[in-house]
Amino acid sequence: MFVIDKTLLKPNIPRTIRFTPILYDWLLKVSEDEELSFNQVVLLCCKNAMEQYNKTNLSEEKE
């Protein structure tokens, strides 16, 4: 389940991105299932990836 993060509200930097059909279909399904906009799901996925990336880098620095 996705939770709306207030830091992701009102995005204002327009970008164009191309998706593979499989990824697009999955994102569209999640947005419909969770009753979120497609854009919100993409932003949440990016935020989750950023957090995971930062966690990985922090744990590697500690080693």
PDB file of N, CA and C in Angstrom:
ATOM      1  N   MET A   1       0.838  -1.185   0.000  1.00  0.00           N
ATOM      2  CA  MET A   1       0.000   0.000   0.000  1.00  0.00           C
ATOM      3  C   MET A   1       0.880   1.244   0.000  1.00  0.00           C
ATOM      4  N   PHE A   2       0.508   2.208  -0.815  1.00  0.00           N
ATOM      5  CA  PHE A   2       1.239   3.455  -0.877  1.00  0.00           C
ATOM      6  C   PHE A   2       0.630   4.459   0.094  1.00  0.00           C
ATOM      7  N   VAL A   3       1.479   5.264   0.692  1.00  0.00           N
ATOM      8  CA  VAL A   3       1.043   6.337   1.581  1.00  0.00           C
ATOM      9  C   VAL A   3       1.459   7.649   0.937  1.00  0.00           C
ATOM     10  N   ILE A   4       0.556   8.606   0.914  1.00  0.00           N
ATOM     11  CA  ILE A   4       0.891   9.903   0.310  1.00  0.00           C
ATOM     12  C   ILE A   4       1.845  10.662   1.217  1.00  0.00           C
ATOM     13  N   ASP A   5       2.939  11.086   0.649  1.00  0.00           N
ATOM     14  CA  ASP A   5       3.966  11.837   1.364  1.00  0.00           C
ATOM     15  C   ASP A   5       3.790  13.307   1.005  1.00  0.00           C
ATOM     16  N   LYS A   6       3.587  14.145   1.993  1.00  0.00           N
ATOM     17  CA  LYS A   6       3.335  15.566   1.748  1.00  0.00           C
ATOM     18  C   LYS A   6       4.492  16.269   1.051  1.00  0.00           C
ATOM     19  N   THR A   7       5.705  15.715   1.145  1.00  0.00           N
ATOM     20  CA  THR A   7       6.839  16.331   0.450  1.00  0.00           C
ATOM     21  C   THR A   7       6.725  16.153  -1.061  1.00  0.00           C
ATOM     22  N   LEU A   8       5.827  15.275  -1.490  1.00  0.00           N
ATOM     23  CA  LEU A   8       5.661  15.038  -2.927  1.00  0.00           C
ATOM     24  C   LEU A   8       4.465  15.760  -3.518  1.00  0.00           C
ATOM     25  N   LEU A   9       3.794  16.571  -2.718  1.00  0.00           N
ATOM     26  CA  LEU A   9       2.632  17.297  -3.216  1.00  0.00           C
ATOM     27  C   LEU A   9       3.059  18.498  -4.043  1.00  0.00           C
ATOM     28  N   LYS A  10       2.245  18.826  -5.001  1.00  0.00           N
ATOM     29  CA  LYS A  10       2.428  19.983  -5.881  1.00  0.00           C
ATOM     30  C   LYS A  10       3.779  19.992  -6.607  1.00  0.00           C
ATOM     31  N   PRO A  11       4.092  18.919  -7.311  1.00  0.00           N
ATOM     32  CA  PRO A  11       5.335  18.933  -8.096  1.00  0.00           C
ATOM     33  C   PRO A  11       5.228  19.995  -9.185  1.00  0.00           C
ATOM     34  N   ASN A  12       6.335  20.674  -9.445  1.00  0.00           N
ATOM     35  CA  ASN A  12       6.255  21.779 -10.407  1.00  0.00           C
ATOM     36  C   ASN A  12       7.386  21.790 -11.436  1.00  0.00           C
ATOM     37  N   ILE A  13       8.112  20.712 -11.555  1.00  0.00           N
ATOM     38  CA  ILE A  13       9.177  20.645 -12.559  1.00  0.00           C
ATOM     39  C   ILE A  13       8.743  19.649 -13.636  1.00  0.00           C
ATOM     40  N   PRO A  14       8.354  20.145 -14.800  1.00  0.00           N
ATOM     41  CA  PRO A  14       7.889  19.240 -15.853  1.00  0.00           C
ATOM     42  C   PRO A  14       9.053  18.521 -16.529  1.00  0.00           C
ATOM     43  N   ARG A  15       8.874  17.229 -16.761  1.00  0.00           N
ATOM     44  CA  ARG A  15       9.878  16.418 -17.457  1.00  0.00           C
ATOM     45  C   ARG A  15       9.139  15.426 -18.348  1.00  0.00           C
ATOM     46  N   THR A  16       9.793  14.993 -19.379  1.00  0.00           N
ATOM     47  CA  THR A  16       9.246  13.952 -20.242  1.00  0.00           C
ATOM     48  C   THR A  16      10.024  12.684 -19.979  1.00  0.00           C
ATOM     49  N   ILE A  17       9.307  11.582 -19.828  1.00  0.00           N
ATOM     50  CA  ILE A  17       9.955  10.303 -19.571  1.00  0.00           C
ATOM     51  C   ILE A  17       9.241   9.235 -20.388  1.00  0.00           C
ATOM     52  N   ARG A  18       9.994   8.258 -20.851  1.00  0.00           N
ATOM     53  CA  ARG A  18       9.416   7.161 -21.615  1.00  0.00           C
ATOM     54  C   ARG A  18       9.517   5.881 -20.799  1.00  0.00           C
ATOM     55  N   PHE A  19       8.443   5.106 -20.805  1.00  0.00           N
ATOM     56  CA  PHE A  19       8.389   3.866 -20.051  1.00  0.00           C
ATOM     57  C   PHE A  19       8.338   2.680 -21.003  1.00  0.00           C
ATOM     58  N   THR A  20       8.830   1.559 -20.533  1.00  0.00           N
ATOM     59  CA  THR A  20       8.610   0.320 -21.265  1.00  0.00           C
ATOM     60  C   THR A  20       7.144  -0.072 -21.058  1.00  0.00           C
ATOM     61  N   PRO A  21       6.575  -0.850 -21.964  1.00  0.00           N
ATOM     62  CA  PRO A  21       5.172  -1.244 -21.799  1.00  0.00           C
ATOM     63  C   PRO A  21       4.899  -1.972 -20.479  1.00  0.00           C
ATOM     64  N   ILE A  22       5.785  -2.853 -20.062  1.00  0.00           N
ATOM     65  CA  ILE A  22       5.574  -3.606 -18.821  1.00  0.00           C
ATOM     66  C   ILE A  22       5.565  -2.671 -17.620  1.00  0.00           C
ATOM     67  N   LEU A  23       6.513  -1.754 -17.561  1.00  0.00           N
ATOM     68  CA  LEU A  23       6.585  -0.826 -16.442  1.00  0.00           C
ATOM     69  C   LEU A  23       5.394   0.130 -16.453  1.00  0.00           C
ATOM     70  N   TYR A  24       5.033   0.617 -17.624  1.00  0.00           N
ATOM     71  CA  TYR A  24       3.878   1.517 -17.732  1.00  0.00           C
ATOM     72  C   TYR A  24       2.610   0.826 -17.251  1.00  0.00           C
ATOM     73  N   ASP A  25       2.395  -0.398 -17.717  1.00  0.00           N
ATOM     74  CA  ASP A  25       1.189  -1.147 -17.320  1.00  0.00           C
ATOM     75  C   ASP A  25       1.150  -1.358 -15.807  1.00  0.00           C
ATOM     76  N   TRP A  26       2.295  -1.676 -15.217  1.00  0.00           N
ATOM     77  CA  TRP A  26       2.348  -1.896 -13.774  1.00  0.00           C
ATOM     78  C   TRP A  26       2.049  -0.599 -13.016  1.00  0.00           C
ATOM     79  N   LEU A  27       2.665   0.493 -13.427  1.00  0.00           N
ATOM     80  CA  LEU A  27       2.420   1.785 -12.775  1.00  0.00           C
ATOM     81  C   LEU A  27       0.959   2.203 -12.900  1.00  0.00           C
ATOM     82  N   LEU A  28       0.384   1.966 -14.060  1.00  0.00           N
ATOM     83  CA  LEU A  28      -1.016   2.311 -14.281  1.00  0.00           C
ATOM     84  C   LEU A  28      -1.920   1.467 -13.380  1.00  0.00           C
ATOM     85  N   LYS A  29      -1.629   0.181 -13.263  1.00  0.00           N
ATOM     86  CA  LYS A  29      -2.420  -0.698 -12.398  1.00  0.00           C
ATOM     87  C   LYS A  29      -2.323  -0.259 -10.940  1.00  0.00           C
ATOM     88  N   VAL A  30      -1.106   0.050 -10.489  1.00  0.00           N
ATOM     89  CA  VAL A  30      -0.933   0.505  -9.106  1.00  0.00           C
ATOM     90  C   VAL A  30      -1.700   1.800  -8.882  1.00  0.00           C
ATOM     91  N   SER A  31      -1.623   2.726  -9.820  1.00  0.00           N
ATOM     92  CA  SER A  31      -2.326   4.003  -9.644  1.00  0.00           C
ATOM     93  C   SER A  31      -3.836   3.787  -9.561  1.00  0.00           C
ATOM     94  N   GLU A  32      -4.360   2.858 -10.347  1.00  0.00           N
ATOM     95  CA  GLU A  32      -5.796   2.574 -10.293  1.00  0.00           C
ATOM     96  C   GLU A  32      -6.157   1.848  -9.000  1.00  0.00           C
ATOM     97  N   ASP A  33      -5.362   0.846  -8.627  1.00  0.00           N
ATOM     98  CA  ASP A  33      -5.631   0.071  -7.405  1.00  0.00           C
ATOM     99  C   ASP A  33      -5.572   0.939  -6.148  1.00  0.00           C
ATOM    100  N   GLU A  34      -4.627   1.859  -6.108  1.00  0.00           N
ATOM    101  CA  GLU A  34      -4.420   2.696  -4.924  1.00  0.00           C
ATOM    102  C   GLU A  34      -5.176   4.022  -4.994  1.00  0.00           C
ATOM    103  N   GLU A  35      -5.868   4.244  -6.108  1.00  0.00           N
ATOM    104  CA  GLU A  35      -6.625   5.477  -6.325  1.00  0.00           C
ATOM    105  C   GLU A  35      -5.736   6.715  -6.189  1.00  0.00           C
ATOM    106  N   LEU A  36      -4.589   6.641  -6.840  1.00  0.00           N
ATOM    107  CA  LEU A  36      -3.641   7.761  -6.902  1.00  0.00           C
ATOM    108  C   LEU A  36      -3.431   8.120  -8.357  1.00  0.00           C
ATOM    109  N   SER A  37      -2.941   9.320  -8.587  1.00  0.00           N
ATOM    110  CA  SER A  37      -2.628   9.688  -9.964  1.00  0.00           C
ATOM    111  C   SER A  37      -1.387   8.921 -10.413  1.00  0.00           C
ATOM    112  N   PHE A  38      -1.281   8.754 -11.709  1.00  0.00           N
ATOM    113  CA  PHE A  38      -0.108   8.093 -12.279  1.00  0.00           C
ATOM    114  C   PHE A  38       1.156   8.825 -11.854  1.00  0.00           C
ATOM    115  N   ASN A  39       1.108  10.151 -11.916  1.00  0.00           N
ATOM    116  CA  ASN A  39       2.256  10.967 -11.543  1.00  0.00           C
ATOM    117  C   ASN A  39       2.654  10.742 -10.081  1.00  0.00           C
ATOM    118  N   GLN A  40       1.668  10.664  -9.199  1.00  0.00           N
ATOM    119  CA  GLN A  40       1.947  10.450  -7.775  1.00  0.00           C
ATOM    120  C   GLN A  40       2.636   9.110  -7.552  1.00  0.00           C
ATOM    121  N   VAL A  41       2.202   8.080  -8.263  1.00  0.00           N
ATOM    122  CA  VAL A  41       2.828   6.759  -8.132  1.00  0.00           C
ATOM    123  C   VAL A  41       4.275   6.815  -8.603  1.00  0.00           C
ATOM    124  N   VAL A  42       4.516   7.483  -9.717  1.00  0.00           N
ATOM    125  CA  VAL A  42       5.896   7.605 -10.220  1.00  0.00           C
ATOM    126  C   VAL A  42       6.758   8.342  -9.198  1.00  0.00           C
ATOM    127  N   LEU A  43       6.239   9.434  -8.625  1.00  0.00           N
ATOM    128  CA  LEU A  43       6.998  10.183  -7.618  1.00  0.00           C
ATOM    129  C   LEU A  43       7.284   9.327  -6.382  1.00  0.00           C
ATOM    130  N   LEU A  44       6.296   8.554  -5.947  1.00  0.00           N
ATOM    131  CA  LEU A  44       6.497   7.674  -4.788  1.00  0.00           C
ATOM    132  C   LEU A  44       7.549   6.607  -5.072  1.00  0.00           C
ATOM    133  N   CYS A  45       7.507   6.050  -6.267  1.00  0.00           N
ATOM    134  CA  CYS A  45       8.518   5.054  -6.648  1.00  0.00           C
ATOM    135  C   CYS A  45       9.915   5.681  -6.650  1.00  0.00           C
ATOM    136  N   CYS A  46      10.032   6.874  -7.181  1.00  0.00           N
ATOM    137  CA  CYS A  46      11.320   7.570  -7.200  1.00  0.00           C
ATOM    138  C   CYS A  46      11.798   7.871  -5.785  1.00  0.00           C
ATOM    139  N   LYS A  47      10.885   8.313  -4.936  1.00  0.00           N
ATOM    140  CA  LYS A  47      11.249   8.610  -3.549  1.00  0.00           C
ATOM    141  C   LYS A  47      11.712   7.348  -2.835  1.00  0.00           C
ATOM    142  N   ASN A  48      10.990   6.242  -3.022  1.00  0.00           N
ATOM    143  CA  ASN A  48      11.392   4.982  -2.398  1.00  0.00           C
ATOM    144  C   ASN A  48      12.747   4.508  -2.904  1.00  0.00           C
ATOM    145  N   ALA A  49      12.982   4.661  -4.198  1.00  0.00           N
ATOM    146  CA  ALA A  49      14.282   4.286  -4.767  1.00  0.00           C
ATOM    147  C   ALA A  49      15.396   5.170  -4.204  1.00  0.00           C
ATOM    148  N   MET A  50      15.122   6.461  -4.051  1.00  0.00           N
ATOM    149  CA  MET A  50      16.107   7.386  -3.493  1.00  0.00           C
ATOM    150  C   MET A  50      16.448   7.008  -2.047  1.00  0.00           C
ATOM    151  N   GLU A  51      15.427   6.687  -1.261  1.00  0.00           N
ATOM    152  CA  GLU A  51      15.664   6.292   0.129  1.00  0.00           C
ATOM    153  C   GLU A  51      16.481   5.000   0.203  1.00  0.00           C
ATOM    154  N   GLN A  52      16.160   4.041  -0.646  1.00  0.00           N
ATOM    155  CA  GLN A  52      16.912   2.780  -0.664  1.00  0.00           C
ATOM    156  C   GLN A  52      18.355   3.021  -1.102  1.00  0.00           C
ATOM    157  N   TYR A  53      18.527   3.859  -2.097  1.00  0.00           N
ATOM    158  CA  TYR A  53      19.870   4.198  -2.577  1.00  0.00           C
ATOM    159  C   TYR A  53      20.684   4.849  -1.461  1.00  0.00           C
ATOM    160  N   ASN A  54      20.067   5.788  -0.738  1.00  0.00           N
ATOM    161  CA  ASN A  54      20.762   6.466   0.359  1.00  0.00           C
ATOM    162  C   ASN A  54      21.097   5.503   1.490  1.00  0.00           C
ATOM    163  N   LYS A  55      20.193   4.591   1.823  1.00  0.00           N
ATOM    164  CA  LYS A  55      20.456   3.585   2.855  1.00  0.00           C
ATOM    165  C   LYS A  55      21.641   2.709   2.463  1.00  0.00           C
ATOM    166  N   THR A  56      21.659   2.275   1.219  1.00  0.00           N
ATOM    167  CA  THR A  56      22.732   1.414   0.720  1.00  0.00           C
ATOM    168  C   THR A  56      24.073   2.137   0.789  1.00  0.00           C
ATOM    169  N   ASN A  57      24.089   3.376   0.363  1.00  0.00           N
ATOM    170  CA  ASN A  57      25.334   4.145   0.372  1.00  0.00           C
ATOM    171  C   ASN A  57      25.814   4.402   1.799  1.00  0.00           C
ATOM    172  N   LEU A  58      24.898   4.682   2.716  1.00  0.00           N
ATOM    173  CA  LEU A  58      25.279   4.913   4.113  1.00  0.00           C
ATOM    174  C   LEU A  58      25.854   3.654   4.733  1.00  0.00           C
ATOM    175  N   SER A  59      25.246   2.495   4.464  1.00  0.00           N
ATOM    176  CA  SER A  59      25.745   1.253   5.049  1.00  0.00           C
ATOM    177  C   SER A  59      27.101   0.882   4.446  1.00  0.00           C
ATOM    178  N   GLU A  60      27.327   1.194   3.181  1.00  0.00           N
ATOM    179  CA  GLU A  60      28.613   0.913   2.546  1.00  0.00           C
ATOM    180  C   GLU A  60      29.709   1.825   3.127  1.00  0.00           C
ATOM    181  N   GLU A  61      29.361   3.069   3.452  1.00  0.00           N
ATOM    182  CA  GLU A  61      30.337   3.996   4.037  1.00  0.00           C
ATOM    183  C   GLU A  61      30.752   3.567   5.425  1.00  0.00           C
ATOM    184  N   LYS A  62      29.858   2.918   6.172  1.00  0.00           N
ATOM    185  CA  LYS A  62      30.157   2.483   7.532  1.00  0.00           C
ATOM    186  C   LYS A  62      31.073   1.271   7.549  1.00  0.00           C
ATOM    187  N   GLU A  63      31.120   0.532   6.455  1.00  0.00           N
ATOM    188  CA  GLU A  63      31.926  -0.703   6.421  1.00  0.00           C
ATOM    189  C   GLU A  63      33.400  -0.428   6.277  1.00  0.00           C
TER     190      GLU A  63
END
